[in-house]
Amino acid sequence: MIALVLAGPLVCAAADSVTITGWLSDEACATARAKSGTYTATNPDCAQECIRKGERMVLIAEREKAVYMIDNPEVARYHFAEHLRVSGTIDRTSNSLHVISLQDLGDYQGPACARPKHNGSPK
């Protein structure tokens, strides 16, 4: 019982509240690019296809030069191809990001016809 009480603060301390800017991608593409030092947007269509095939969704964090696994991808599924500001909590132990809110920064660089439609999804 004492061990559980003492371990509680350690579990809470592992998660940090953050606000990060970056792009959504799939784990395979983002990790490969990060190994070469590239922390920029990936092809959104390719990333969505890879995720449909079983890859995990990640956030490429541009300033932090990091790739975070998103533990609640259903919240972010309509936000590919957008430069995002993401608020959430990061679990440093598992390198995972729990998304609380997303904001499109509005500086999308690409053809308007390729920009995904939100279909009324929450931002």
PDB file of N, CA and C in Angstrom:
ATOM      1  N   MET A   1       0.824  -1.181   0.000  1.00  0.00           N
ATOM      2  CA  MET A   1       0.000   0.000   0.000  1.00  0.00           C
ATOM      3  C   MET A   1       0.874   1.252   0.000  1.00  0.00           C
ATOM      4  N   ILE A   2       1.896   1.274   0.826  1.00  0.00           N
ATOM      5  CA  ILE A   2       2.794   2.429   0.884  1.00  0.00           C
ATOM      6  C   ILE A   2       3.484   2.626  -0.466  1.00  0.00           C
ATOM      7  N   ALA A   3       3.860   1.547  -1.121  1.00  0.00           N
ATOM      8  CA  ALA A   3       4.508   1.651  -2.435  1.00  0.00           C
ATOM      9  C   ALA A   3       3.591   2.315  -3.447  1.00  0.00           C
ATOM     10  N   LEU A   4       2.299   2.008  -3.421  1.00  0.00           N
ATOM     11  CA  LEU A   4       1.352   2.635  -4.343  1.00  0.00           C
ATOM     12  C   LEU A   4       1.216   4.121  -4.063  1.00  0.00           C
ATOM     13  N   VAL A   5       1.187   4.496  -2.810  1.00  0.00           N
ATOM     14  CA  VAL A   5       1.076   5.904  -2.436  1.00  0.00           C
ATOM     15  C   VAL A   5       2.327   6.657  -2.876  1.00  0.00           C
ATOM     16  N   LEU A   6       3.481   6.075  -2.686  1.00  0.00           N
ATOM     17  CA  LEU A   6       4.727   6.720  -3.070  1.00  0.00           C
ATOM     18  C   LEU A   6       4.909   6.771  -4.585  1.00  0.00           C
ATOM     19  N   ALA A   7       4.402   5.765  -5.299  1.00  0.00           N
ATOM     20  CA  ALA A   7       4.545   5.726  -6.753  1.00  0.00           C
ATOM     21  C   ALA A   7       3.617   6.708  -7.451  1.00  0.00           C
ATOM     22  N   GLY A   8       2.523   7.101  -6.815  1.00  0.00           N
ATOM     23  CA  GLY A   8       1.558   8.021  -7.411  1.00  0.00           C
ATOM     24  C   GLY A   8       2.186   9.302  -7.933  1.00  0.00           C
ATOM     25  N   PRO A   9       2.964  10.027  -7.138  1.00  0.00           N
ATOM     26  CA  PRO A   9       3.577  11.257  -7.621  1.00  0.00           C
ATOM     27  C   PRO A   9       4.542  11.024  -8.784  1.00  0.00           C
ATOM     28  N   LEU A  10       5.192   9.873  -8.834  1.00  0.00           N
ATOM     29  CA  LEU A  10       6.108   9.592  -9.935  1.00  0.00           C
ATOM     30  C   LEU A  10       5.359   9.433 -11.247  1.00  0.00           C
ATOM     31  N   VAL A  11       4.210   8.780 -11.206  1.00  0.00           N
ATOM     32  CA  VAL A  11       3.399   8.600 -12.406  1.00  0.00           C
ATOM     33  C   VAL A  11       2.924   9.953 -12.914  1.00  0.00           C
ATOM     34  N   CYS A  12       2.447  10.798 -12.019  1.00  0.00           N
ATOM     35  CA  CYS A  12       1.954  12.120 -12.412  1.00  0.00           C
ATOM     36  C   CYS A  12       3.087  12.992 -12.941  1.00  0.00           C
ATOM     37  N   ALA A  13       4.255  12.895 -12.366  1.00  0.00           N
ATOM     38  CA  ALA A  13       5.377  13.732 -12.766  1.00  0.00           C
ATOM     39  C   ALA A  13       5.887  13.377 -14.156  1.00  0.00           C
ATOM     40  N   ALA A  14       5.583  12.168 -14.646  1.00  0.00           N
ATOM     41  CA  ALA A  14       6.071  11.755 -15.954  1.00  0.00           C
ATOM     42  C   ALA A  14       5.318  12.443 -17.091  1.00  0.00           C
ATOM     43  N   ALA A  15       4.126  12.998 -16.835  1.00  0.00           N
ATOM     44  CA  ALA A  15       3.336  13.658 -17.867  1.00  0.00           C
ATOM     45  C   ALA A  15       3.461  15.172 -17.714  1.00  0.00           C
ATOM     46  N   ASP A  16       3.849  15.831 -18.813  1.00  0.00           N
ATOM     47  CA  ASP A  16       4.011  17.276 -18.815  1.00  0.00           C
ATOM     48  C   ASP A  16       2.979  17.915 -19.721  1.00  0.00           C
ATOM     49  N   SER A  17       2.358  19.007 -19.266  1.00  0.00           N
ATOM     50  CA  SER A  17       1.457  19.773 -20.122  1.00  0.00           C
ATOM     51  C   SER A  17       2.310  20.570 -21.098  1.00  0.00           C
ATOM     52  N   VAL A  18       1.924  20.530 -22.381  1.00  0.00           N
ATOM     53  CA  VAL A  18       2.708  21.197 -23.421  1.00  0.00           C
ATOM     54  C   VAL A  18       1.795  21.831 -24.463  1.00  0.00           C
ATOM     55  N   THR A  19       2.351  22.769 -25.188  1.00  0.00           N
ATOM     56  CA  THR A  19       1.776  23.285 -26.414  1.00  0.00           C
ATOM     57  C   THR A  19       2.889  23.211 -27.448  1.00  0.00           C
ATOM     58  N   ILE A  20       2.628  22.492 -28.524  1.00  0.00           N
ATOM     59  CA  ILE A  20       3.639  22.171 -29.535  1.00  0.00           C
ATOM     60  C   ILE A  20       3.097  22.540 -30.909  1.00  0.00           C
ATOM     61  N   THR A  21       3.977  22.971 -31.798  1.00  0.00           N
ATOM     62  CA  THR A  21       3.567  23.152 -33.189  1.00  0.00           C
ATOM     63  C   THR A  21       4.234  22.081 -34.041  1.00  0.00           C
ATOM     64  N   GLY A  22       3.508  21.650 -35.077  1.00  0.00           N
ATOM     65  CA  GLY A  22       4.054  20.633 -35.959  1.00  0.00           C
ATOM     66  C   GLY A  22       2.996  20.065 -36.883  1.00  0.00           C
ATOM     67  N   TRP A  23       3.231  18.838 -37.342  1.00  0.00           N
ATOM     68  CA  TRP A  23       2.378  18.196 -38.335  1.00  0.00           C
ATOM     69  C   TRP A  23       2.110  16.753 -37.940  1.00  0.00           C
ATOM     70  N   LEU A  24       0.968  16.252 -38.375  1.00  0.00           N
ATOM     71  CA  LEU A  24       0.643  14.844 -38.188  1.00  0.00           C
ATOM     72  C   LEU A  24       1.323  14.020 -39.262  1.00  0.00           C
ATOM     73  N   SER A  25       1.676  12.805 -38.916  1.00  0.00           N
ATOM     74  CA  SER A  25       2.252  11.872 -39.874  1.00  0.00           C
ATOM     75  C   SER A  25       2.057  10.465 -39.337  1.00  0.00           C
ATOM     76  N   ASP A  26       2.636   9.509 -40.063  1.00  0.00           N
ATOM     77  CA  ASP A  26       2.669   8.132 -39.576  1.00  0.00           C
ATOM     78  C   ASP A  26       4.050   7.876 -38.986  1.00  0.00           C
ATOM     79  N   GLU A  27       4.117   6.908 -38.103  1.00  0.00           N
ATOM     80  CA  GLU A  27       5.350   6.624 -37.376  1.00  0.00           C
ATOM     81  C   GLU A  27       6.516   6.278 -38.298  1.00  0.00           C
ATOM     82  N   ALA A  28       6.295   5.458 -39.324  1.00  0.00           N
ATOM     83  CA  ALA A  28       7.386   5.012 -40.186  1.00  0.00           C
ATOM     84  C   ALA A  28       8.039   6.179 -40.931  1.00  0.00           C
ATOM     85  N   CYS A  29       7.228   6.982 -41.589  1.00  0.00           N
ATOM     86  CA  CYS A  29       7.780   8.117 -42.347  1.00  0.00           C
ATOM     87  C   CYS A  29       8.447   9.140 -41.439  1.00  0.00           C
ATOM     88  N   ALA A  30       7.769   9.499 -40.359  1.00  0.00           N
ATOM     89  CA  ALA A  30       8.296  10.530 -39.464  1.00  0.00           C
ATOM     90  C   ALA A  30       9.593  10.094 -38.794  1.00  0.00           C
ATOM     91  N   THR A  31       9.658   8.843 -38.374  1.00  0.00           N
ATOM     92  CA  THR A  31      10.857   8.347 -37.704  1.00  0.00           C
ATOM     93  C   THR A  31      12.041   8.290 -38.658  1.00  0.00           C
ATOM     94  N   ALA A  32      11.797   7.838 -39.877  1.00  0.00           N
ATOM     95  CA  ALA A  32      12.876   7.773 -40.868  1.00  0.00           C
ATOM     96  C   ALA A  32      13.407   9.167 -41.163  1.00  0.00           C
ATOM     97  N   ARG A  33      12.511  10.139 -41.315  1.00  0.00           N
ATOM     98  CA  ARG A  33      12.945  11.507 -41.596  1.00  0.00           C
ATOM     99  C   ARG A  33      13.661  12.114 -40.394  1.00  0.00           C
ATOM    100  N   ALA A  34      13.189  11.819 -39.196  1.00  0.00           N
ATOM    101  CA  ALA A  34      13.816  12.361 -37.990  1.00  0.00           C
ATOM    102  C   ALA A  34      15.247  11.848 -37.834  1.00  0.00           C
ATOM    103  N   LYS A  35      15.487  10.605 -38.216  1.00  0.00           N
ATOM    104  CA  LYS A  35      16.847  10.050 -38.121  1.00  0.00           C
ATOM    105  C   LYS A  35      17.830  10.831 -38.982  1.00  0.00           C
ATOM    106  N   SER A  36      17.315  11.451 -40.066  1.00  0.00           N
ATOM    107  CA  SER A  36      18.185  12.250 -40.917  1.00  0.00           C
ATOM    108  C   SER A  36      18.148  13.732 -40.529  1.00  0.00           C
ATOM    109  N   GLY A  37      17.435  14.048 -39.428  1.00  0.00           N
ATOM    110  CA  GLY A  37      17.385  15.419 -38.942  1.00  0.00           C
ATOM    111  C   GLY A  37      16.297  16.274 -39.570  1.00  0.00           C
ATOM    112  N   THR A  38      15.336  15.658 -40.251  1.00  0.00           N
ATOM    113  CA  THR A  38      14.257  16.395 -40.907  1.00  0.00           C
ATOM    114  C   THR A  38      12.992  16.332 -40.065  1.00  0.00           C
ATOM    115  N   TYR A  39      12.547  17.483 -39.592  1.00  0.00           N
ATOM    116  CA  TYR A  39      11.341  17.582 -38.759  1.00  0.00           C
ATOM    117  C   TYR A  39      10.362  18.541 -39.427  1.00  0.00           C
ATOM    118  N   THR A  40       9.864  18.124 -40.589  1.00  0.00           N
ATOM    119  CA  THR A  40       8.919  18.924 -41.357  1.00  0.00           C
ATOM    120  C   THR A  40       7.739  18.039 -41.754  1.00  0.00           C
ATOM    121  N   ALA A  41       6.765  18.650 -42.429  1.00  0.00           N
ATOM    122  CA  ALA A  41       5.569  17.921 -42.848  1.00  0.00           C
ATOM    123  C   ALA A  41       5.938  16.792 -43.807  1.00  0.00           C
ATOM    124  N   THR A  42       5.157  15.728 -43.740  1.00  0.00           N
ATOM    125  CA  THR A  42       5.283  14.623 -44.686  1.00  0.00           C
ATOM    126  C   THR A  42       4.074  14.675 -45.621  1.00  0.00           C
ATOM    127  N   ASN A  43       4.043  13.808 -46.601  1.00  0.00           N
ATOM    128  CA  ASN A  43       2.915  13.749 -47.525  1.00  0.00           C
ATOM    129  C   ASN A  43       1.679  13.284 -46.752  1.00  0.00           C
ATOM    130  N   PRO A  44       0.641  14.137 -46.656  1.00  0.00           N
ATOM    131  CA  PRO A  44      -0.525  13.764 -45.840  1.00  0.00           C
ATOM    132  C   PRO A  44      -1.294  12.563 -46.379  1.00  0.00           C
ATOM    133  N   ASP A  45      -1.373  12.417 -47.699  1.00  0.00           N
ATOM    134  CA  ASP A  45      -2.089  11.271 -48.262  1.00  0.00           C
ATOM    135  C   ASP A  45      -1.364   9.971 -47.937  1.00  0.00           C
ATOM    136  N   CYS A  46      -0.052   9.994 -48.065  1.00  0.00           N
ATOM    137  CA  CYS A  46       0.759   8.816 -47.754  1.00  0.00           C
ATOM    138  C   CYS A  46       0.635   8.463 -46.269  1.00  0.00           C
ATOM    139  N   ALA A  47       0.706   9.476 -45.414  1.00  0.00           N
ATOM    140  CA  ALA A  47       0.604   9.237 -43.973  1.00  0.00           C
ATOM    141  C   ALA A  47      -0.743   8.619 -43.608  1.00  0.00           C
ATOM    142  N   GLN A  48      -1.816   9.146 -44.182  1.00  0.00           N
ATOM    143  CA  GLN A  48      -3.142   8.597 -43.888  1.00  0.00           C
ATOM    144  C   GLN A  48      -3.251   7.155 -44.355  1.00  0.00           C
ATOM    145  N   GLU A  49      -2.705   6.862 -45.520  1.00  0.00           N
ATOM    146  CA  GLU A  49      -2.741   5.486 -46.035  1.00  0.00           C
ATOM    147  C   GLU A  49      -1.945   4.546 -45.121  1.00  0.00           C
ATOM    148  N   CYS A  50      -0.771   4.982 -44.691  1.00  0.00           N
ATOM    149  CA  CYS A  50       0.050   4.150 -43.795  1.00  0.00           C
ATOM    150  C   CYS A  50      -0.672   3.899 -42.466  1.00  0.00           C
ATOM    151  N   ILE A  51      -1.360   4.905 -41.966  1.00  0.00           N
ATOM    152  CA  ILE A  51      -2.108   4.736 -40.723  1.00  0.00           C
ATOM    153  C   ILE A  51      -3.265   3.764 -40.923  1.00  0.00           C
ATOM    154  N   ARG A  52      -3.942   3.854 -42.062  1.00  0.00           N
ATOM    155  CA  ARG A  52      -5.016   2.888 -42.359  1.00  0.00           C
ATOM    156  C   ARG A  52      -4.464   1.461 -42.398  1.00  0.00           C
ATOM    157  N   LYS A  53      -3.186   1.320 -42.785  1.00  0.00           N
ATOM    158  CA  LYS A  53      -2.566  -0.006 -42.876  1.00  0.00           C
ATOM    159  C   LYS A  53      -1.946  -0.461 -41.551  1.00  0.00           C
ATOM    160  N   GLY A  54      -2.061   0.365 -40.503  1.00  0.00           N
ATOM    161  CA  GLY A  54      -1.607  -0.086 -39.196  1.00  0.00           C
ATOM    162  C   GLY A  54      -0.489   0.712 -38.552  1.00  0.00           C
ATOM    163  N   GLU A  55       0.109   1.661 -39.256  1.00  0.00           N
ATOM    164  CA  GLU A  55       1.133   2.499 -38.620  1.00  0.00           C
ATOM    165  C   GLU A  55       0.459   3.386 -37.575  1.00  0.00           C
ATOM    166  N   ARG A  56       1.208   3.773 -36.565  1.00  0.00           N
ATOM    167  CA  ARG A  56       0.667   4.660 -35.537  1.00  0.00           C
ATOM    168  C   ARG A  56       0.778   6.116 -35.975  1.00  0.00           C
ATOM    169  N   MET A  57      -0.197   6.931 -35.539  1.00  0.00           N
ATOM    170  CA  MET A  57      -0.180   8.359 -35.823  1.00  0.00           C
ATOM    171  C   MET A  57       0.787   9.050 -34.873  1.00  0.00           C
ATOM    172  N   VAL A  58       1.540   9.998 -35.413  1.00  0.00           N
ATOM    173  CA  VAL A  58       2.498  10.753 -34.618  1.00  0.00           C
ATOM    174  C   VAL A  58       2.353  12.242 -34.905  1.00  0.00           C
ATOM    175  N   LEU A  59       2.946  13.035 -34.025  1.00  0.00           N
ATOM    176  CA  LEU A  59       3.087  14.461 -34.269  1.00  0.00           C
ATOM    177  C   LEU A  59       4.570  14.737 -34.447  1.00  0.00           C
ATOM    178  N   ILE A  60       4.911  15.392 -35.550  1.00  0.00           N
ATOM    179  CA  ILE A  60       6.280  15.848 -35.782  1.00  0.00           C
ATOM    180  C   ILE A  60       6.371  17.230 -35.143  1.00  0.00           C
ATOM    181  N   ALA A  61       7.141  17.350 -34.083  1.00  0.00           N
ATOM    182  CA  ALA A  61       7.277  18.606 -33.339  1.00  0.00           C
ATOM    183  C   ALA A  61       8.470  19.378 -33.889  1.00  0.00           C
ATOM    184  N   GLU A  62       8.185  20.477 -34.576  1.00  0.00           N
ATOM    185  CA  GLU A  62       9.233  21.193 -35.295  1.00  0.00           C
ATOM    186  C   GLU A  62      10.268  21.850 -34.388  1.00  0.00           C
ATOM    187  N   ARG A  63       9.858  22.532 -33.355  1.00  0.00           N
ATOM    188  CA  ARG A  63      10.821  23.228 -32.489  1.00  0.00           C
ATOM    189  C   ARG A  63      11.582  22.268 -31.577  1.00  0.00           C
ATOM    190  N   GLU A  64      10.883  21.254 -31.103  1.00  0.00           N
ATOM    191  CA  GLU A  64      11.497  20.291 -30.179  1.00  0.00           C
ATOM    192  C   GLU A  64      12.366  19.277 -30.894  1.00  0.00           C
ATOM    193  N   LYS A  65      12.230  19.221 -32.229  1.00  0.00           N
ATOM    194  CA  LYS A  65      12.960  18.226 -33.029  1.00  0.00           C
ATOM    195  C   LYS A  65      12.691  16.832 -32.457  1.00  0.00           C
ATOM    196  N   ALA A  66      11.378  16.509 -32.400  1.00  0.00           N
ATOM    197  CA  ALA A  66      10.953  15.244 -31.802  1.00  0.00           C
ATOM    198  C   ALA A  66       9.747  14.699 -32.556  1.00  0.00           C
ATOM    199  N   VAL A  67       9.509  13.412 -32.356  1.00  0.00           N
ATOM    200  CA  VAL A  67       8.332  12.731 -32.905  1.00  0.00           C
ATOM    201  C   VAL A  67       7.620  12.085 -31.725  1.00  0.00           C
ATOM    202  N   TYR A  68       6.350  12.444 -31.522  1.00  0.00           N
ATOM    203  CA  TYR A  68       5.567  11.936 -30.401  1.00  0.00           C
ATOM    204  C   TYR A  68       4.426  11.054 -30.907  1.00  0.00           C
ATOM    205  N   MET A  69       4.285   9.863 -30.330  1.00  0.00           N
ATOM    206  CA  MET A  69       3.176   8.971 -30.644  1.00  0.00           C
ATOM    207  C   MET A  69       1.899   9.576 -30.060  1.00  0.00           C
ATOM    208  N   ILE A  70       0.843   9.632 -30.838  1.00  0.00           N
ATOM    209  CA  ILE A  70      -0.418  10.190 -30.354  1.00  0.00           C
ATOM    210  C   ILE A  70      -1.249   9.054 -29.779  1.00  0.00           C
ATOM    211  N   ASP A  71      -1.580   9.168 -28.483  1.00  0.00           N
ATOM    212  CA  ASP A  71      -2.303   8.064 -27.828  1.00  0.00           C
ATOM    213  C   ASP A  71      -3.816   8.143 -28.009  1.00  0.00           C
ATOM    214  N   ASN A  72      -4.332   9.229 -28.576  1.00  0.00           N
ATOM    215  CA  ASN A  72      -5.766   9.344 -28.860  1.00  0.00           C
ATOM    216  C   ASN A  72      -5.957   9.872 -30.294  1.00  0.00           C
ATOM    217  N   PRO A  73      -5.553   9.069 -31.302  1.00  0.00           N
ATOM    218  CA  PRO A  73      -5.558   9.540 -32.690  1.00  0.00           C
ATOM    219  C   PRO A  73      -6.917   9.910 -33.252  1.00  0.00           C
ATOM    220  N   GLU A  74      -7.990   9.398 -32.664  1.00  0.00           N
ATOM    221  CA  GLU A  74      -9.321   9.727 -33.175  1.00  0.00           C
ATOM    222  C   GLU A  74      -9.606  11.230 -33.097  1.00  0.00           C
ATOM    223  N   VAL A  75      -8.991  11.938 -32.180  1.00  0.00           N
ATOM    224  CA  VAL A  75      -9.173  13.381 -32.030  1.00  0.00           C
ATOM    225  C   VAL A  75      -8.523  14.152 -33.182  1.00  0.00           C
ATOM    226  N   ALA A  76      -7.468  13.597 -33.749  1.00  0.00           N
ATOM    227  CA  ALA A  76      -6.667  14.318 -34.735  1.00  0.00           C
ATOM    228  C   ALA A  76      -6.898  13.867 -36.178  1.00  0.00           C
ATOM    229  N   ARG A  77      -7.698  12.880 -36.414  1.00  0.00           N
ATOM    230  CA  ARG A  77      -7.786  12.233 -37.726  1.00  0.00           C
ATOM    231  C   ARG A  77      -8.171  13.140 -38.886  1.00  0.00           C
ATOM    232  N   TYR A  78      -8.779  14.293 -38.635  1.00  0.00           N
ATOM    233  CA  TYR A  78      -9.179  15.196 -39.713  1.00  0.00           C
ATOM    234  C   TYR A  78      -8.179  16.332 -39.939  1.00  0.00           C
ATOM    235  N   HIS A  79      -7.006  16.255 -39.365  1.00  0.00           N
ATOM    236  CA  HIS A  79      -6.097  17.394 -39.378  1.00  0.00           C
ATOM    237  C   HIS A  79      -4.779  17.160 -40.117  1.00  0.00           C
ATOM    238  N   PHE A  80      -4.764  16.208 -41.031  1.00  0.00           N
ATOM    239  CA  PHE A  80      -3.572  16.004 -41.845  1.00  0.00           C
ATOM    240  C   PHE A  80      -3.417  17.178 -42.798  1.00  0.00           C
ATOM    241  N   ALA A  81      -2.196  17.496 -43.176  1.00  0.00           N
ATOM    242  CA  ALA A  81      -1.829  18.566 -44.107  1.00  0.00           C
ATOM    243  C   ALA A  81      -1.963  19.954 -43.486  1.00  0.00           C
ATOM    244  N   GLU A  82      -2.234  20.032 -42.205  1.00  0.00           N
ATOM    245  CA  GLU A  82      -2.329  21.321 -41.529  1.00  0.00           C
ATOM    246  C   GLU A  82      -1.113  21.517 -40.645  1.00  0.00           C
ATOM    247  N   HIS A  83      -0.650  22.753 -40.585  1.00  0.00           N
ATOM    248  CA  HIS A  83       0.373  23.123 -39.609  1.00  0.00           C
ATOM    249  C   HIS A  83      -0.403  23.397 -38.326  1.00  0.00           C
ATOM    250  N   LEU A  84      -0.138  22.638 -37.273  1.00  0.00           N
ATOM    251  CA  LEU A  84      -0.975  22.633 -36.080  1.00  0.00           C
ATOM    252  C   LEU A  84      -0.287  23.197 -34.848  1.00  0.00           C
ATOM    253  N   ARG A  85      -1.099  23.755 -33.963  1.00  0.00           N
ATOM    254  CA  ARG A  85      -0.699  24.026 -32.585  1.00  0.00           C
ATOM    255  C   ARG A  85      -1.483  23.018 -31.764  1.00  0.00           C
ATOM    256  N   VAL A  86      -0.775  22.179 -31.048  1.00  0.00           N
ATOM    257  CA  VAL A  86      -1.395  21.096 -30.280  1.00  0.00           C
ATOM    258  C   VAL A  86      -1.126  21.317 -28.802  1.00  0.00           C
ATOM    259  N   SER A  87      -2.181  21.288 -28.019  1.00  0.00           N
ATOM    260  CA  SER A  87      -2.048  21.329 -26.563  1.00  0.00           C
ATOM    261  C   SER A  87      -2.390  19.942 -26.045  1.00  0.00           C
ATOM    262  N   GLY A  88      -1.639  19.514 -25.064  1.00  0.00           N
ATOM    263  CA  GLY A  88      -1.883  18.197 -24.502  1.00  0.00           C
ATOM    264  C   GLY A  88      -0.895  17.870 -23.414  1.00  0.00           C
ATOM    265  N   THR A  89      -0.765  16.595 -23.155  1.00  0.00           N
ATOM    266  CA  THR A  89       0.199  16.131 -22.158  1.00  0.00           C
ATOM    267  C   THR A  89       1.118  15.101 -22.804  1.00  0.00           C
ATOM    268  N   ILE A  90       2.379  15.206 -22.468  1.00  0.00           N
ATOM    269  CA  ILE A  90       3.376  14.256 -22.967  1.00  0.00           C
ATOM    270  C   ILE A  90       3.804  13.364 -21.822  1.00  0.00           C
ATOM    271  N   ASP A  91       3.753  12.075 -22.074  1.00  0.00           N
ATOM    272  CA  ASP A  91       4.281  11.092 -21.136  1.00  0.00           C
ATOM    273  C   ASP A  91       5.694  10.800 -21.602  1.00  0.00           C
ATOM    274  N   ARG A  92       6.670  11.314 -20.890  1.00  0.00           N
ATOM    275  CA  ARG A  92       8.079  11.179 -21.287  1.00  0.00           C
ATOM    276  C   ARG A  92       8.557   9.722 -21.223  1.00  0.00           C
ATOM    277  N   THR A  93       7.909   8.923 -20.389  1.00  0.00           N
ATOM    278  CA  THR A  93       8.296   7.521 -20.269  1.00  0.00           C
ATOM    279  C   THR A  93       7.981   6.752 -21.544  1.00  0.00           C
ATOM    280  N   SER A  94       6.793   6.980 -22.112  1.00  0.00           N
ATOM    281  CA  SER A  94       6.383   6.256 -23.313  1.00  0.00           C
ATOM    282  C   SER A  94       6.523   7.087 -24.590  1.00  0.00           C
ATOM    283  N   ASN A  95       6.964   8.348 -24.453  1.00  0.00           N
ATOM    284  CA  ASN A  95       7.103   9.266 -25.585  1.00  0.00           C
ATOM    285  C   ASN A  95       5.779   9.438 -26.323  1.00  0.00           C
ATOM    286  N   SER A  96       4.671   9.473 -25.550  1.00  0.00           N
ATOM    287  CA  SER A  96       3.360   9.607 -26.161  1.00  0.00           C
ATOM    288  C   SER A  96       2.733  10.952 -25.809  1.00  0.00           C
ATOM    289  N   LEU A  97       1.914  11.422 -26.724  1.00  0.00           N
ATOM    290  CA  LEU A  97       1.222  12.698 -26.583  1.00  0.00           C
ATOM    291  C   LEU A  97      -0.274  12.440 -26.508  1.00  0.00           C
ATOM    292  N   HIS A  98      -0.907  12.959 -25.473  1.00  0.00           N
ATOM    293  CA  HIS A  98      -2.366  12.908 -25.369  1.00  0.00           C
ATOM    294  C   HIS A  98      -2.872  14.280 -25.785  1.00  0.00           C
ATOM    295  N   VAL A  99      -3.580  14.339 -26.909  1.00  0.00           N
ATOM    296  CA  VAL A  99      -4.053  15.603 -27.474  1.00  0.00           C
ATOM    297  C   VAL A  99      -5.288  16.080 -26.730  1.00  0.00           C
ATOM    298  N   ILE A 100      -5.240  17.326 -26.273  1.00  0.00           N
ATOM    299  CA  ILE A 100      -6.397  17.953 -25.640  1.00  0.00           C
ATOM    300  C   ILE A 100      -7.080  18.892 -26.631  1.00  0.00           C
ATOM    301  N   SER A 101      -6.281  19.666 -27.378  1.00  0.00           N
ATOM    302  CA  SER A 101      -6.877  20.553 -28.381  1.00  0.00           C
ATOM    303  C   SER A 101      -5.918  20.741 -29.549  1.00  0.00           C
ATOM    304  N   LEU A 102      -6.509  21.054 -30.706  1.00  0.00           N
ATOM    305  CA  LEU A 102      -5.761  21.280 -31.949  1.00  0.00           C
ATOM    306  C   LEU A 102      -6.197  22.611 -32.546  1.00  0.00           C
ATOM    307  N   GLN A 103      -5.246  23.335 -33.107  1.00  0.00           N
ATOM    308  CA  GLN A 103      -5.586  24.566 -33.807  1.00  0.00           C
ATOM    309  C   GLN A 103      -4.798  24.606 -35.104  1.00  0.00           C
ATOM    310  N   ASP A 104      -5.492  24.813 -36.224  1.00  0.00           N
ATOM    311  CA  ASP A 104      -4.846  24.985 -37.516  1.00  0.00           C
ATOM    312  C   ASP A 104      -4.225  26.375 -37.528  1.00  0.00           C
ATOM    313  N   LEU A 105      -2.930  26.466 -37.746  1.00  0.00           N
ATOM    314  CA  LEU A 105      -2.246  27.747 -37.755  1.00  0.00           C
ATOM    315  C   LEU A 105      -2.498  28.539 -39.034  1.00  0.00           C
ATOM    316  N   GLY A 106      -3.143  27.908 -40.007  1.00  0.00           N
ATOM    317  CA  GLY A 106      -3.571  28.627 -41.190  1.00  0.00           C
ATOM    318  C   GLY A 106      -2.483  28.932 -42.190  1.00  0.00           C
ATOM    319  N   ASP A 107      -1.321  28.334 -42.030  1.00  0.00           N
ATOM    320  CA  ASP A 107      -0.244  28.605 -42.988  1.00  0.00           C
ATOM    321  C   ASP A 107       0.054  27.378 -43.845  1.00  0.00           C
ATOM    322  N   TYR A 108      -1.015  26.718 -44.245  1.00  0.00           N
ATOM    323  CA  TYR A 108      -0.910  25.546 -45.116  1.00  0.00           C
ATOM    324  C   TYR A 108      -0.199  25.928 -46.403  1.00  0.00           C
ATOM    325  N   GLN A 109       0.775  25.154 -46.796  1.00  0.00           N
ATOM    326  CA  GLN A 109       1.529  25.384 -48.025  1.00  0.00           C
ATOM    327  C   GLN A 109       1.266  24.227 -48.976  1.00  0.00           C
ATOM    328  N   GLY A 110       0.392  24.413 -49.906  1.00  0.00           N
ATOM    329  CA  GLY A 110       0.080  23.367 -50.860  1.00  0.00           C
ATOM    330  C   GLY A 110      -1.179  23.724 -51.615  1.00  0.00           C
ATOM    331  N   PRO A 111      -1.575  22.888 -52.570  1.00  0.00           N
ATOM    332  CA  PRO A 111      -2.763  23.196 -53.366  1.00  0.00           C
ATOM    333  C   PRO A 111      -4.028  23.134 -52.526  1.00  0.00           C
ATOM    334  N   ALA A 112      -4.926  24.085 -52.766  1.00  0.00           N
ATOM    335  CA  ALA A 112      -6.183  24.148 -52.006  1.00  0.00           C
ATOM    336  C   ALA A 112      -7.003  22.879 -52.188  1.00  0.00           C
ATOM    337  N   CYS A 113      -6.938  22.277 -53.364  1.00  0.00           N
ATOM    338  CA  CYS A 113      -7.729  21.070 -53.602  1.00  0.00           C
ATOM    339  C   CYS A 113      -7.234  19.887 -52.775  1.00  0.00           C
ATOM    340  N   ALA A 114      -5.994  19.933 -52.299  1.00  0.00           N
ATOM    341  CA  ALA A 114      -5.440  18.836 -51.504  1.00  0.00           C
ATOM    342  C   ALA A 114      -5.706  19.011 -50.018  1.00  0.00           C
ATOM    343  N   ARG A 115      -6.168  20.195 -49.617  1.00  0.00           N
ATOM    344  CA  ARG A 115      -6.431  20.455 -48.209  1.00  0.00           C
ATOM    345  C   ARG A 115      -7.613  19.604 -47.752  1.00  0.00           C
ATOM    346  N   PRO A 116      -7.473  18.834 -46.674  1.00  0.00           N
ATOM    347  CA  PRO A 116      -8.558  17.955 -46.235  1.00  0.00           C
ATOM    348  C   PRO A 116      -9.770  18.736 -45.748  1.00  0.00           C
ATOM    349  N   LYS A 117     -10.928  18.153 -45.931  1.00  0.00           N
ATOM    350  CA  LYS A 117     -12.173  18.745 -45.449  1.00  0.00           C
ATOM    351  C   LYS A 117     -12.442  18.198 -44.050  1.00  0.00           C
ATOM    352  N   HIS A 118     -12.992  19.045 -43.193  1.00  0.00           N
ATOM    353  CA  HIS A 118     -13.199  18.650 -41.796  1.00  0.00           C
ATOM    354  C   HIS A 118     -14.507  17.951 -41.540  1.00  0.00           C
ATOM    355  N   ASN A 119     -15.484  18.082 -42.413  1.00  0.00           N
ATOM    356  CA  ASN A 119     -16.777  17.411 -42.238  1.00  0.00           C
ATOM    357  C   ASN A 119     -17.392  17.670 -40.871  1.00  0.00           C
ATOM    358  N   GLY A 120     -17.219  18.894 -40.379  1.00  0.00           N
ATOM    359  CA  GLY A 120     -17.832  19.257 -39.092  1.00  0.00           C
ATOM    360  C   GLY A 120     -17.111  18.708 -37.887  1.00  0.00           C
ATOM    361  N   SER A 121     -15.905  18.188 -38.053  1.00  0.00           N
ATOM    362  CA  SER A 121     -15.186  17.634 -36.911  1.00  0.00           C
ATOM    363  C   SER A 121     -14.741  18.759 -35.996  1.00  0.00           C
ATOM    364  N   PRO A 122     -14.632  18.504 -34.715  1.00  0.00           N
ATOM    365  CA  PRO A 122     -14.205  19.535 -33.763  1.00  0.00           C
ATOM    366  C   PRO A 122     -12.738  19.882 -33.962  1.00  0.00           C
ATOM    367  N   LYS A 123     -12.419  21.116 -33.732  1.00  0.00           N
ATOM    368  CA  LYS A 123     -11.020  21.583 -33.830  1.00  0.00           C
ATOM    369  C   LYS A 123     -10.324  21.395 -32.516  1.00  0.00           C
TER     370      LYS A 123
END
